[in-house]
Protein backbone atom coordinates (compact mmCIF):
# COMPACT_ATOMS: atom_id res chain seq x y z
CA UNK A 1 -2.76 24.75 1.80
CA UNK A 2 -2.58 21.42 3.59
CA UNK A 3 -1.51 17.96 2.48
CA UNK A 4 -4.36 15.48 2.07
CA UNK A 5 -3.55 11.84 2.77
CA UNK A 6 -4.94 8.72 1.13
CA UNK A 7 -4.14 5.36 2.70
CA UNK A 8 -5.37 1.82 3.29
CA UNK A 9 -7.31 0.81 6.39
CA UNK A 10 -6.92 -2.97 6.10
CA UNK A 11 -3.99 -5.27 5.22
CA UNK A 12 -3.20 -3.52 1.93
CA UNK A 13 -4.57 -4.26 -1.55
CA UNK A 14 -7.58 -2.02 -0.86
CA UNK A 15 -7.51 -0.24 -4.22
CA UNK A 16 -5.52 2.88 -3.36
CA UNK A 17 -4.01 3.21 -6.84
CA UNK A 18 -7.40 3.48 -8.52
CA UNK A 19 -8.71 6.12 -6.12
CA UNK A 20 -5.51 8.17 -6.33
CA UNK A 21 -5.89 8.11 -10.12
CA UNK A 22 -9.53 9.20 -9.81
CA UNK A 23 -8.72 12.01 -7.36
CA UNK A 24 -5.53 13.22 -9.12
CA UNK A 25 -7.23 15.89 -11.30
CA UNK A 26 -8.01 17.75 -8.05
CA UNK A 27 -4.31 17.96 -7.13
CA UNK A 28 -1.04 19.44 -8.36
CA UNK A 29 1.31 16.91 -6.71
CA UNK A 30 0.95 13.22 -5.81
CA UNK A 31 3.58 12.05 -3.30
CA UNK A 32 4.49 8.54 -2.11
CA UNK A 33 5.68 8.70 1.50
CA UNK A 34 6.68 5.16 2.54
CA UNK A 35 7.11 1.55 1.46
CA UNK A 36 8.81 0.26 -1.63
CA UNK A 37 8.27 -2.12 -4.53
CA UNK A 38 6.32 -4.47 -2.26
CA UNK A 39 3.41 -2.15 -3.11
CA UNK A 40 1.26 -2.96 -6.12
CA UNK A 41 -1.08 -0.12 -7.05
CA UNK A 42 -3.36 -1.15 -9.91
CA UNK A 43 -4.99 1.39 -12.22
CA UNK A 44 -7.31 0.54 -15.09
CA UNK A 45 -8.65 2.85 -17.79
CA UNK A 46 -9.27 2.77 -21.53
CA UNK A 47 -9.20 -1.02 -21.39
CA UNK A 48 -5.61 -1.20 -20.12
CA UNK A 49 -4.41 -2.32 -16.68
CA UNK A 50 -1.32 -0.67 -15.18
CA UNK A 51 0.49 -1.80 -12.02
CA UNK A 52 2.81 0.64 -10.22
CA UNK A 53 5.17 -0.36 -7.42
CA UNK A 54 7.17 2.77 -6.59
CA UNK A 55 6.00 5.50 -8.95
CA UNK A 56 3.04 7.52 -7.57
CA UNK A 57 -0.36 6.77 -9.11
CA UNK A 58 -0.76 10.28 -10.54
CA UNK A 59 1.79 9.64 -13.27
CA UNK A 60 -0.85 9.06 -15.99
CA UNK A 61 -2.45 12.49 -15.58
CA UNK A 62 -1.15 15.53 -17.46
CA UNK A 63 0.09 18.59 -15.57
CA UNK A 64 0.48 16.71 -12.27
CA UNK A 65 3.84 16.27 -10.56
CA UNK A 66 4.75 13.01 -8.83
CA UNK A 67 7.18 12.82 -5.92
CA UNK A 68 8.86 9.72 -4.49
CA UNK A 69 9.47 10.85 -0.92
CA UNK A 70 12.32 10.25 1.49
CA UNK A 71 10.36 7.57 3.36
CA UNK A 72 10.29 5.30 0.30
CA UNK A 73 12.90 2.63 -0.43
CA UNK A 74 13.76 2.20 -4.13
CA UNK A 75 14.96 -0.82 -6.08
CA UNK A 76 16.55 0.77 -9.17
CA UNK A 77 15.95 -2.36 -11.29
CA UNK A 78 12.23 -2.56 -10.49
CA UNK A 79 12.00 1.22 -10.89
CA UNK A 80 13.57 0.98 -14.34
CA UNK A 81 11.04 -1.70 -15.26
CA UNK A 82 8.21 0.65 -14.28
CA UNK A 83 9.66 3.41 -16.43
CA UNK A 84 9.99 1.02 -19.38
CA UNK A 85 6.31 0.10 -19.10
CA UNK A 86 5.37 3.79 -19.32
CA UNK A 87 7.28 4.29 -22.58
CA UNK A 88 4.57 2.93 -24.97
CA UNK A 89 2.06 5.42 -23.53
CA UNK A 90 4.24 8.45 -24.29
CA UNK A 91 4.32 9.48 -20.63
CA UNK A 92 6.78 12.33 -20.15
CA UNK A 93 7.92 10.96 -16.81
CA UNK A 94 11.15 12.98 -16.81
CA UNK A 95 9.02 16.11 -16.57
CA UNK A 96 6.39 14.67 -14.21
CA UNK A 97 8.49 12.68 -11.73
CA UNK A 98 11.01 13.74 -9.07
CA UNK A 99 12.76 11.65 -6.42
CA UNK A 100 13.94 12.54 -2.95
CA UNK A 101 17.70 12.50 -2.50
CA UNK A 102 17.04 11.03 0.95
CA UNK A 103 15.14 7.97 -0.31
CA UNK A 104 17.10 4.80 0.45
CA UNK A 105 18.27 2.31 -2.17
CA UNK A 106 17.58 -1.43 -2.15
CA UNK A 107 20.75 -3.33 -3.10
CA UNK A 108 20.82 -6.82 -4.64
CA UNK A 109 22.38 -8.03 -1.39
CA UNK A 110 19.37 -6.67 0.53
CA UNK A 111 17.18 -9.03 -1.48
CA UNK A 112 19.51 -11.93 -0.69
CA UNK A 113 19.35 -11.15 3.03
CA UNK A 114 15.57 -11.01 2.82
CA UNK A 115 15.37 -14.39 1.08
CA UNK A 116 17.88 -16.06 3.40
CA UNK A 117 16.17 -14.76 6.54
CA UNK A 118 12.70 -15.78 5.39
CA UNK A 119 13.84 -19.26 4.33
CA UNK A 120 15.44 -19.81 7.72
CA UNK A 121 12.16 -19.14 9.55
CA UNK A 122 10.46 -22.26 8.20
CA UNK A 123 6.87 -22.40 9.45
CA UNK A 124 7.31 -19.05 11.20
CA UNK A 125 7.64 -17.06 7.97
CA UNK A 126 6.12 -13.56 8.11
CA UNK A 127 5.12 -13.60 4.44
CA UNK A 128 7.79 -11.25 3.11
CA UNK A 129 7.55 -10.26 -0.56
CA UNK A 130 11.33 -10.93 -0.72
CA UNK A 131 11.97 -7.52 -2.29
CA UNK A 132 14.66 -6.57 0.25
CA UNK A 133 12.42 -4.01 1.97
CA UNK A 134 13.07 -5.09 5.56
CA UNK A 135 16.88 -5.28 5.30
CA UNK A 136 16.94 -1.89 3.59
CA UNK A 137 14.97 -0.24 6.40
CA UNK A 138 17.25 -2.02 8.89
CA UNK A 139 20.28 -0.43 7.24
CA UNK A 140 18.47 2.91 7.27
CA UNK A 141 17.87 2.80 11.02
CA UNK A 142 21.33 1.31 11.54
CA UNK A 143 22.82 4.33 9.74
CA UNK A 144 24.47 2.18 7.09
CA UNK A 145 22.15 2.77 4.14
CA UNK A 146 22.80 4.16 0.68
CA UNK A 147 20.54 6.97 -0.49
CA UNK A 148 19.62 8.35 -3.89
CA UNK A 149 21.82 11.38 -3.24
CA UNK A 150 24.83 9.08 -2.86
CA UNK A 151 24.73 7.98 -6.49
CA UNK A 152 26.09 11.40 -7.51
CA UNK A 153 29.03 11.10 -5.10
CA UNK A 154 32.52 10.33 -6.51
CA UNK A 155 32.97 7.66 -3.82
CA UNK A 156 29.60 5.97 -4.42
CA UNK A 157 31.19 2.69 -5.54
CA UNK A 158 33.31 2.56 -2.39
CA UNK A 159 30.21 3.12 -0.23
CA UNK A 160 28.39 0.40 -2.16
CA UNK A 161 31.24 -2.11 -1.81
CA UNK A 162 31.52 -1.44 1.93
CA UNK A 163 27.82 -2.13 2.49
CA UNK A 164 27.86 -5.26 0.35
CA UNK A 165 30.81 -6.65 2.32
CA UNK A 166 28.79 -6.17 5.49
CA UNK A 167 25.88 -8.04 3.88
CA UNK A 168 28.14 -10.90 2.78
CA UNK A 169 29.35 -11.36 6.34
CA UNK A 170 25.74 -11.46 7.51
CA UNK A 171 24.88 -14.08 4.86
CA UNK A 172 27.49 -16.38 6.42
CA UNK A 173 24.93 -17.01 9.15
CA UNK A 174 22.96 -19.01 6.58
CA UNK A 175 25.45 -21.71 5.44
CA UNK A 176 22.82 -23.55 3.37
CA UNK A 177 21.89 -20.43 1.40
CA UNK A 178 23.69 -20.25 -1.94
CA UNK A 179 23.89 -17.09 -4.04
CA UNK A 180 25.69 -15.33 -6.89
CA UNK A 181 25.76 -11.53 -6.79
CA UNK A 182 27.69 -10.78 -9.97
CA UNK A 183 24.89 -10.79 -12.56
CA UNK A 184 22.46 -8.95 -10.27
CA UNK A 185 25.08 -6.28 -9.53
CA UNK A 186 25.68 -5.60 -13.21
CA UNK A 187 21.96 -5.10 -13.84
CA UNK A 188 21.64 -2.94 -10.72
CA UNK A 189 24.49 -0.63 -11.68
CA UNK A 190 22.96 -0.14 -15.14
CA UNK A 191 19.66 0.78 -13.48
CA UNK A 192 21.50 3.33 -11.32
CA UNK A 193 22.58 5.12 -14.51
CA UNK A 194 18.94 5.22 -15.60
CA UNK A 195 17.97 6.65 -12.22
CA UNK A 196 20.46 9.47 -12.75
CA UNK A 197 18.43 10.62 -15.76
CA UNK A 198 15.60 11.68 -13.42
CA UNK A 199 15.50 14.77 -11.22
CA UNK A 200 16.56 14.25 -7.61
CA UNK A 201 15.40 16.91 -5.15
CA UNK A 202 15.62 17.94 -1.52
CA UNK A 203 12.08 16.70 -1.13
CA UNK A 204 11.30 18.30 2.23
CA UNK A 205 11.97 21.71 0.70
CA UNK A 206 10.21 20.76 -2.52
CA UNK A 207 7.01 19.79 -0.71
CA UNK A 208 7.00 22.70 1.77
CA UNK A 209 7.70 25.24 -0.98
CA UNK A 210 4.74 23.76 -2.85
CA UNK A 211 2.55 24.13 0.24
CA UNK A 212 3.56 27.79 0.58
CA UNK A 213 2.81 28.32 -3.12
CA UNK A 214 -0.74 27.08 -2.60
CA UNK A 215 -0.28 23.80 -4.48
CA UNK A 216 -2.76 21.01 -3.77
CA UNK A 217 -0.95 17.89 -2.59
CA UNK A 218 -2.12 14.31 -2.06
CA UNK A 219 0.11 11.92 -0.10
CA UNK A 220 -0.29 8.34 -1.34
CA UNK A 221 0.20 5.53 1.19
CA UNK A 222 1.27 1.99 0.42
CA UNK A 223 0.30 -1.29 2.14
CA UNK A 224 -2.34 -0.82 4.86
CA UNK A 225 -2.80 0.29 8.47
CA UNK A 226 -2.92 -3.27 9.82
CA UNK A 227 0.58 -3.78 8.38
CA UNK A 228 2.07 -0.73 10.14
CA UNK A 229 5.35 -1.51 11.91
CA UNK A 230 4.04 -0.02 15.19
CA UNK A 231 0.26 -0.45 15.06
CA UNK A 232 -0.23 -3.47 12.81
CA UNK A 233 -0.46 -7.18 13.68
CA UNK A 234 3.21 -7.38 14.69
CA UNK A 235 5.43 -9.21 13.77
CA UNK A 236 3.40 -9.95 10.63
CA UNK A 237 3.79 -6.40 9.35
CA UNK A 238 5.78 -4.33 6.88
CA UNK A 239 8.87 -2.30 7.78
CA UNK A 240 7.47 1.24 7.62
CA UNK A 241 4.79 3.43 9.16
CA UNK A 242 1.82 3.06 6.84
CA UNK A 243 -0.41 5.40 8.87
CA UNK A 244 -1.04 9.14 8.60
CA UNK A 245 1.88 9.93 10.89
CA UNK A 246 4.17 8.33 8.30
CA UNK A 247 3.32 11.21 5.96
CA UNK A 248 5.14 13.63 8.26
CA UNK A 249 8.35 11.59 8.49
CA UNK A 250 8.13 10.26 4.93
CA UNK A 251 7.76 13.66 3.26
CA UNK A 252 9.03 16.16 5.81
CA UNK A 253 5.73 17.93 6.50
CA UNK A 254 4.62 19.10 9.92
CA UNK A 255 1.57 17.49 11.60
CA UNK A 256 -0.21 20.85 11.41
CA UNK A 257 0.04 20.62 7.60
CA UNK A 258 -2.09 17.46 7.36
CA UNK A 259 -5.56 18.09 5.93
CA UNK A 260 -8.18 15.60 4.83
CA UNK A 261 -7.44 11.91 5.51
CA UNK A 262 -9.12 9.53 3.06
CA UNK A 263 -9.29 5.93 4.28
CA UNK A 264 -9.71 3.15 1.71
CA UNK A 265 -11.23 -0.24 2.47
CA UNK A 266 -12.81 -3.16 0.63
CA UNK A 267 -16.46 -4.12 1.07
CA UNK A 268 -15.02 -7.35 2.49
CA UNK A 269 -11.50 -8.17 3.73
CA UNK A 270 -8.30 -9.73 2.37
CA UNK A 271 -4.79 -10.43 3.54
CA UNK A 272 -1.63 -11.71 1.82
CA UNK A 273 0.92 -13.75 3.74
CA UNK A 274 0.97 -14.92 7.33
CA UNK A 275 -0.57 -13.35 10.42
CA UNK A 276 -3.89 -13.00 12.26
CA UNK A 277 -7.04 -12.66 10.16
CA UNK A 278 -10.14 -13.16 12.38
CA UNK A 279 -12.76 -13.07 9.62
CA UNK A 280 -10.89 -15.32 7.17
CA UNK A 281 -13.15 -17.78 5.32
CA UNK A 282 -11.45 -21.09 4.61
CA UNK A 283 -14.48 -22.49 2.80
CA UNK A 284 -16.27 -22.21 -0.51
CA UNK A 285 -17.50 -18.70 0.37
CA UNK A 286 -13.93 -17.46 0.81
CA UNK A 287 -12.96 -19.12 -2.46
CA UNK A 288 -15.95 -17.52 -4.16
CA UNK A 289 -14.90 -14.04 -2.97
CA UNK A 290 -11.35 -14.73 -4.19
CA UNK A 291 -12.63 -15.78 -7.60
CA UNK A 292 -15.13 -12.92 -7.98
CA UNK A 293 -12.60 -10.32 -6.81
CA UNK A 294 -9.63 -11.88 -8.62
CA UNK A 295 -7.79 -11.69 -5.32
CA UNK A 296 -4.20 -12.37 -6.24
CA UNK A 297 -1.31 -10.10 -5.27
CA UNK A 298 -0.42 -7.40 -7.82
CA UNK A 299 3.24 -7.70 -6.80
CA UNK A 300 3.67 -11.38 -5.90
CA UNK A 301 0.73 -13.09 -7.62
CA UNK A 302 0.03 -14.95 -4.39
CA UNK A 303 -3.62 -15.82 -3.69
CA UNK A 304 -5.05 -13.51 -1.05
CA UNK A 305 -6.82 -14.83 2.01
CA UNK A 306 -10.44 -13.63 1.93
CA UNK A 307 -13.12 -13.00 4.54
CA UNK A 308 -15.99 -10.78 5.64
CA UNK A 309 -15.52 -7.16 6.61
CA UNK A 310 -13.94 -6.60 10.04
CA UNK A 311 -15.51 -3.58 11.74
CA UNK A 312 -13.35 -3.63 14.94
CA UNK A 313 -10.17 -3.54 12.82
CA UNK A 314 -11.63 -0.76 10.65
CA UNK A 315 -12.62 1.35 13.67
CA UNK A 316 -9.11 0.90 15.05
CA UNK A 317 -7.55 1.98 11.74
CA UNK A 318 -9.84 5.01 11.50
CA UNK A 319 -8.84 6.06 15.02
CA UNK A 320 -5.10 5.69 14.40
CA UNK A 321 -5.25 7.64 11.13
CA UNK A 322 -7.85 10.27 11.97
CA UNK A 323 -9.73 9.34 8.80
CA UNK A 324 -12.18 12.06 7.84
CA UNK A 325 -13.82 10.28 4.90
CA UNK A 326 -13.89 6.78 3.45
CA UNK A 327 -13.88 5.09 0.06
CA UNK A 328 -15.39 1.60 -0.15
CA UNK A 329 -13.86 -0.51 -2.89
CA UNK A 330 -14.97 -3.64 -4.76
CA UNK A 331 -18.64 -3.47 -3.83
CA UNK A 332 -19.29 -5.26 -7.14
CA UNK A 333 -17.48 -8.38 -5.89
CA UNK A 334 -20.45 -8.98 -3.57
CA UNK A 335 -23.03 -8.48 -6.37
CA UNK A 336 -24.09 -12.14 -6.43
CA UNK A 337 -24.47 -12.74 -2.71
CA UNK A 338 -27.96 -13.16 -1.27
CA UNK A 339 -26.57 -12.39 2.17
CA UNK A 340 -23.33 -10.88 3.44
CA UNK A 341 -21.87 -10.63 6.93
CA UNK A 342 -20.06 -8.05 9.02
CA UNK A 343 -17.94 -8.78 12.10
CA UNK A 344 -18.99 -6.48 14.96
CA UNK A 345 -16.65 -7.74 17.69
CA UNK A 346 -14.44 -10.70 18.72
CA UNK A 347 -14.64 -13.23 21.51
CA UNK A 348 -11.22 -14.21 22.91
CA UNK A 349 -11.00 -16.59 25.88
CA UNK A 350 -14.61 -15.77 26.75
CA UNK A 351 -14.05 -12.01 26.72
CA UNK A 352 -15.53 -9.52 24.27
CA UNK A 353 -13.12 -7.32 22.30
CA UNK A 354 -13.98 -4.39 20.04
CA UNK A 355 -10.34 -3.98 18.98
CA UNK A 356 -7.17 -6.01 18.40
CA UNK A 357 -5.47 -6.68 21.75
CA UNK A 358 -1.68 -6.57 22.13
CA UNK A 359 -1.02 -9.98 20.58
CA UNK A 360 -3.53 -12.47 19.19
CA UNK A 361 -0.95 -14.82 17.67
CA UNK A 362 -1.80 -18.37 18.66
CA UNK A 363 -5.12 -17.33 20.24
CA UNK A 364 -8.52 -18.44 19.05
CA UNK A 365 -10.20 -15.23 17.93
CA UNK A 366 -13.90 -15.88 17.30
CA UNK A 367 -15.58 -13.22 15.15
CA UNK A 368 -19.19 -12.32 16.00
CA UNK A 369 -21.25 -11.47 12.92
CA UNK A 370 -24.37 -9.65 11.88
CA UNK A 371 -26.14 -10.79 8.73
CA UNK A 372 -26.98 -8.19 6.09
CA UNK A 373 -29.21 -8.62 3.06
CA UNK A 374 -27.22 -8.58 -0.18
CA UNK A 375 -28.20 -6.62 -3.30
CA UNK A 376 -27.84 -9.65 -5.58
CA UNK A 377 -27.65 -7.66 -8.85
CA UNK A 378 -25.07 -6.22 -11.23
CA UNK A 379 -23.69 -2.87 -10.04
CA UNK A 380 -20.83 -2.55 -12.53
CA UNK A 381 -22.90 -0.51 -15.01
CA UNK A 382 -24.00 2.09 -12.47
CA UNK A 383 -23.06 5.69 -13.18
CA UNK A 384 -24.66 7.24 -10.09
CA UNK A 385 -24.94 6.10 -6.47
CA UNK A 386 -28.52 7.40 -6.53
CA UNK A 387 -29.36 4.52 -8.86
CA UNK A 388 -27.72 1.88 -6.66
CA UNK A 389 -29.92 -0.91 -5.25
CA UNK A 390 -31.40 -0.09 -1.87
CA UNK A 391 -29.57 -3.01 -0.26
CA UNK A 392 -26.19 -1.56 -1.29
CA UNK A 393 -27.24 1.86 0.01
CA UNK A 394 -28.30 0.18 3.26
CA UNK A 395 -24.93 -1.58 3.56
CA UNK A 396 -23.14 1.75 3.12
CA UNK A 397 -25.41 3.41 5.70
CA UNK A 398 -24.88 0.48 8.10
CA UNK A 399 -21.10 0.86 7.88
CA UNK A 400 -21.27 4.64 8.23
CA UNK A 401 -23.27 4.20 11.42
CA UNK A 402 -20.83 1.64 12.81
CA UNK A 403 -17.69 3.56 11.79
CA UNK A 404 -18.98 7.11 12.40
CA UNK A 405 -17.23 8.42 9.26
CA UNK A 406 -18.92 9.23 5.92
CA UNK A 407 -18.34 6.91 2.95
CA UNK A 408 -18.01 9.40 0.10
CA UNK A 409 -16.94 7.02 -2.68
CA UNK A 410 -18.17 3.56 -3.66
CA UNK A 411 -16.25 1.62 -6.32
CA UNK A 412 -18.13 -0.88 -8.49
CA UNK A 413 -15.36 -2.03 -10.84
CA UNK A 414 -11.67 -1.65 -11.63
CA UNK A 415 -11.98 1.09 -14.26
CA UNK A 416 -11.68 4.72 -13.19
CA UNK A 417 -15.19 5.33 -14.63
CA UNK A 418 -16.71 2.73 -12.26
CA UNK A 419 -16.51 5.09 -9.31
CA UNK A 420 -19.65 6.41 -7.62
CA UNK A 421 -19.76 9.56 -5.51
CA UNK A 422 -21.97 9.31 -2.45
CA UNK A 423 -23.12 12.89 -1.93
CA UNK A 424 -25.46 12.13 0.97
């Protein structure tokens, strides 16, 4: 068996959580391979909305295991909050959830470093979620980090204290930044005890043994391709590899073990935080998309920047990831538009670009659009793509032609039942 991968092709918030939940019955294991609690994967079913930050989106399905891989960074306090929210639904998470011993821990002092660094940037802020993700990955690559496996060590407290002292010395660079660690540390240590109640595993062996046993595995990405630390709109990116290659390093699977790659994108485009966004609409149309799509961050609550679909960025993301099929989300948000637009290329300093060049920060990137007739009707009640309005079918066909990858799923609402299979 091979590991299938599901990930975002835009700037995150594409709807990965819903599609993982929909696809989970086909799999035995759902595995998160990167990112941390800056992710907000929203699932909705039976009239209830659930938001997951670290726990894989297969947790609500019976007889499916969920793995938090080594490439993930974990905030024990946020993780405990997620577990608490599962309690009313009688989810047996102790039986369904395992954590890699090699996953790194986010300390309270990581969050302080994140906040101090971002505040010092002033107008040059990168739009951090202030969850301590960046500083944690910096300690990981600097070989200073604490991992889940360390919490079982008799000298864990000494390791913790040593790292916190390092962080305190770094915080001295920000003399105007005031903080108090004591209360946060007490809460964090209590959450560590809760974390010990779960099963920690050597995840690379766990996942490869499952492959050998013929288990079906889906790797769940967080954030989106355009936020990848190497291939995104640097420096306005996250701190991990959000692309398919991140599955290999974030779970310990060989490239030859990667199977189907499912790319997720919205029927339009959004972005949270700072950074380039060529198709952003700073007018009433952008505000209308935000209102119709309820485009506010699942983790931060920040309003998302909204714009038309960006085909050059999508083609780039498909190339980087080797996407073999696509899922188009939130088609219903465009239900009331007479006409919609799609960006086919950019003009930068008089030159045509079909991709993001090295650095567009500070440049005037002019999107070139094609107009497409909207379907202008309610799609949220559809149960089959065959019954979809011709204009929506045409939009899907138009994108398939431009992207050269089949769109196999079209989402027309937040509930798991509002998912249409495009069988071609």
